[in-house]
Amino acid sequence: MTKHTIIFILSLIATASSITGNIFINHKRKVGFIIWTIANMLWILINCIGDVNYPQVCMFGVYSILNIQGYSKWSKNNNKGEEV
């Protein structure tokens, strides 16, 4: 399997995961943050294979941090009895 094929397959999985995570978040399901964070990690991996795309690695890293922060905030709000 060539590097190009691996990147293509990982990109398909990352795209589907990104969209799925966003859909879950739109339906106020915390699992969306987990799925989206996994997708971001895949995007980081994809952007590190071969020539590193530093701006995208940075962007997806920040998105992952924001997802963790969002998950944590939703968990705290849910413990207070607030709707998420």
C-alpha atoms as a PDB file:
ATOM      1  CA  MET A   1       0.000   0.000   0.000  1.00  0.00           C
ATOM      2  CA  THR A   2       1.458   3.374  -0.987  1.00  0.00           C
ATOM      3  CA  LYS A   3       1.744   6.420   1.250  1.00  0.00           C
ATOM      4  CA  HIS A   4      -0.769   8.200  -0.979  1.00  0.00           C
ATOM      5  CA  THR A   5      -3.315   5.400  -0.504  1.00  0.00           C
ATOM      6  CA  ILE A   6      -2.834   5.410   3.276  1.00  0.00           C
ATOM      7  CA  ILE A   7      -3.308   9.180   3.425  1.00  0.00           C
ATOM      8  CA  PHE A   8      -6.430   8.909   1.268  1.00  0.00           C
ATOM      9  CA  ILE A   9      -7.998   6.212   3.480  1.00  0.00           C
ATOM     10  CA  LEU A  10      -7.126   8.077   6.689  1.00  0.00           C
ATOM     11  CA  SER A  11      -8.566  11.270   5.187  1.00  0.00           C
ATOM     12  CA  LEU A  12     -11.863   9.512   4.445  1.00  0.00           C
ATOM     13  CA  ILE A  13     -12.043   8.193   8.009  1.00  0.00           C
ATOM     14  CA  ALA A  14     -11.095  11.584   9.485  1.00  0.00           C
ATOM     15  CA  THR A  15     -13.671  13.390   7.339  1.00  0.00           C
ATOM     16  CA  ALA A  16     -16.464  10.996   8.311  1.00  0.00           C
ATOM     17  CA  SER A  17     -15.459  11.236  11.985  1.00  0.00           C
ATOM     18  CA  SER A  18     -15.317  15.040  11.918  1.00  0.00           C
ATOM     19  CA  ILE A  19     -18.802  15.257  10.433  1.00  0.00           C
ATOM     20  CA  THR A  20     -20.179  12.601  12.795  1.00  0.00           C
ATOM     21  CA  GLY A  21     -18.723  14.380  15.840  1.00  0.00           C
ATOM     22  CA  ASN A  22     -20.237  17.673  14.740  1.00  0.00           C
ATOM     23  CA  ILE A  23     -23.657  16.067  14.215  1.00  0.00           C
ATOM     24  CA  PHE A  24     -23.572  14.600  17.739  1.00  0.00           C
ATOM     25  CA  ILE A  25     -22.657  17.994  19.194  1.00  0.00           C
ATOM     26  CA  ASN A  26     -25.510  19.621  17.259  1.00  0.00           C
ATOM     27  CA  HIS A  27     -27.799  17.090  18.955  1.00  0.00           C
ATOM     28  CA  LYS A  28     -26.262  18.027  22.330  1.00  0.00           C
ATOM     29  CA  ARG A  29     -24.485  14.689  22.822  1.00  0.00           C
ATOM     30  CA  LYS A  30     -21.121  14.901  24.613  1.00  0.00           C
ATOM     31  CA  VAL A  31     -19.798  11.860  22.749  1.00  0.00           C
ATOM     32  CA  GLY A  32     -19.457  14.207  19.780  1.00  0.00           C
ATOM     33  CA  PHE A  33     -16.487  15.872  21.470  1.00  0.00           C
ATOM     34  CA  ILE A  34     -14.748  12.510  21.818  1.00  0.00           C
ATOM     35  CA  ILE A  35     -15.386  11.539  18.192  1.00  0.00           C
ATOM     36  CA  TRP A  36     -14.313  14.966  16.966  1.00  0.00           C
ATOM     37  CA  THR A  37     -11.117  14.856  19.045  1.00  0.00           C
ATOM     38  CA  ILE A  38     -10.232  11.453  17.585  1.00  0.00           C
ATOM     39  CA  ALA A  39     -10.830  12.905  14.117  1.00  0.00           C
ATOM     40  CA  ASN A  40      -8.539  15.834  14.957  1.00  0.00           C
ATOM     41  CA  MET A  41      -5.817  13.405  16.007  1.00  0.00           C
ATOM     42  CA  LEU A  42      -6.211  11.631  12.664  1.00  0.00           C
ATOM     43  CA  TRP A  43      -5.912  14.973  10.848  1.00  0.00           C
ATOM     44  CA  ILE A  44      -2.717  15.693  12.790  1.00  0.00           C
ATOM     45  CA  LEU A  45      -1.340  12.281  11.785  1.00  0.00           C
ATOM     46  CA  ILE A  46      -2.309  12.864   8.144  1.00  0.00           C
ATOM     47  CA  ASN A  47      -0.615  16.256   8.163  1.00  0.00           C
ATOM     48  CA  CYS A  48       2.570  14.778   9.672  1.00  0.00           C
ATOM     49  CA  ILE A  49       2.983  12.045   7.058  1.00  0.00           C
ATOM     50  CA  GLY A  50       5.487  13.180   4.462  1.00  0.00           C
ATOM     51  CA  ASP A  51       5.945  16.945   4.378  1.00  0.00           C
ATOM     52  CA  VAL A  52       4.573  18.345   7.645  1.00  0.00           C
ATOM     53  CA  ASN A  53       1.823  20.932   7.286  1.00  0.00           C
ATOM     54  CA  TYR A  54       2.558  22.871  10.492  1.00  0.00           C
ATOM     55  CA  PRO A  55      -0.380  25.317  10.300  1.00  0.00           C
ATOM     56  CA  GLN A  56      -2.892  22.467  10.060  1.00  0.00           C
ATOM     57  CA  VAL A  57      -1.165  20.457  12.787  1.00  0.00           C
ATOM     58  CA  CYS A  58      -1.428  23.525  15.024  1.00  0.00           C
ATOM     59  CA  MET A  59      -5.085  24.135  14.067  1.00  0.00           C
ATOM     60  CA  PHE A  60      -6.182  20.560  14.752  1.00  0.00           C
ATOM     61  CA  GLY A  61      -4.209  20.567  18.006  1.00  0.00           C
ATOM     62  CA  VAL A  62      -6.061  23.685  19.147  1.00  0.00           C
ATOM     63  CA  TYR A  63      -9.379  22.158  18.040  1.00  0.00           C
ATOM     64  CA  SER A  64      -8.593  19.112  20.194  1.00  0.00           C
ATOM     65  CA  ILE A  65      -7.923  21.307  23.223  1.00  0.00           C
ATOM     66  CA  LEU A  66     -11.181  23.184  22.593  1.00  0.00           C
ATOM     67  CA  ASN A  67     -13.048  19.864  22.322  1.00  0.00           C
ATOM     68  CA  ILE A  68     -11.644  18.721  25.658  1.00  0.00           C
ATOM     69  CA  GLN A  69     -12.596  22.061  27.188  1.00  0.00           C
ATOM     70  CA  GLY A  70     -16.114  21.802  25.719  1.00  0.00           C
ATOM     71  CA  TYR A  71     -16.557  18.258  26.994  1.00  0.00           C
ATOM     72  CA  SER A  72     -15.425  19.324  30.455  1.00  0.00           C
ATOM     73  CA  LYS A  73     -17.721  22.369  30.479  1.00  0.00           C
ATOM     74  CA  TRP A  74     -20.714  20.317  29.326  1.00  0.00           C
ATOM     75  CA  SER A  75     -19.946  17.729  32.032  1.00  0.00           C
ATOM     76  CA  LYS A  76     -19.865  20.422  34.747  1.00  0.00           C
ATOM     77  CA  ASN A  77     -23.083  22.007  33.485  1.00  0.00           C
ATOM     78  CA  ASN A  78     -24.773  18.604  33.343  1.00  0.00           C
ATOM     79  CA  ASN A  79     -23.792  17.902  36.970  1.00  0.00           C
ATOM     80  CA  LYS A  80     -25.517  21.150  37.981  1.00  0.00           C
ATOM     81  CA  GLY A  81     -28.735  19.931  36.387  1.00  0.00           C
ATOM     82  CA  GLU A  82     -28.507  22.351  33.471  1.00  0.00           C
ATOM     83  CA  GLU A  83     -29.477  21.220  29.999  1.00  0.00           C
ATOM     84  CA  VAL A  84     -26.550  20.703  27.641  1.00  0.00           C
END
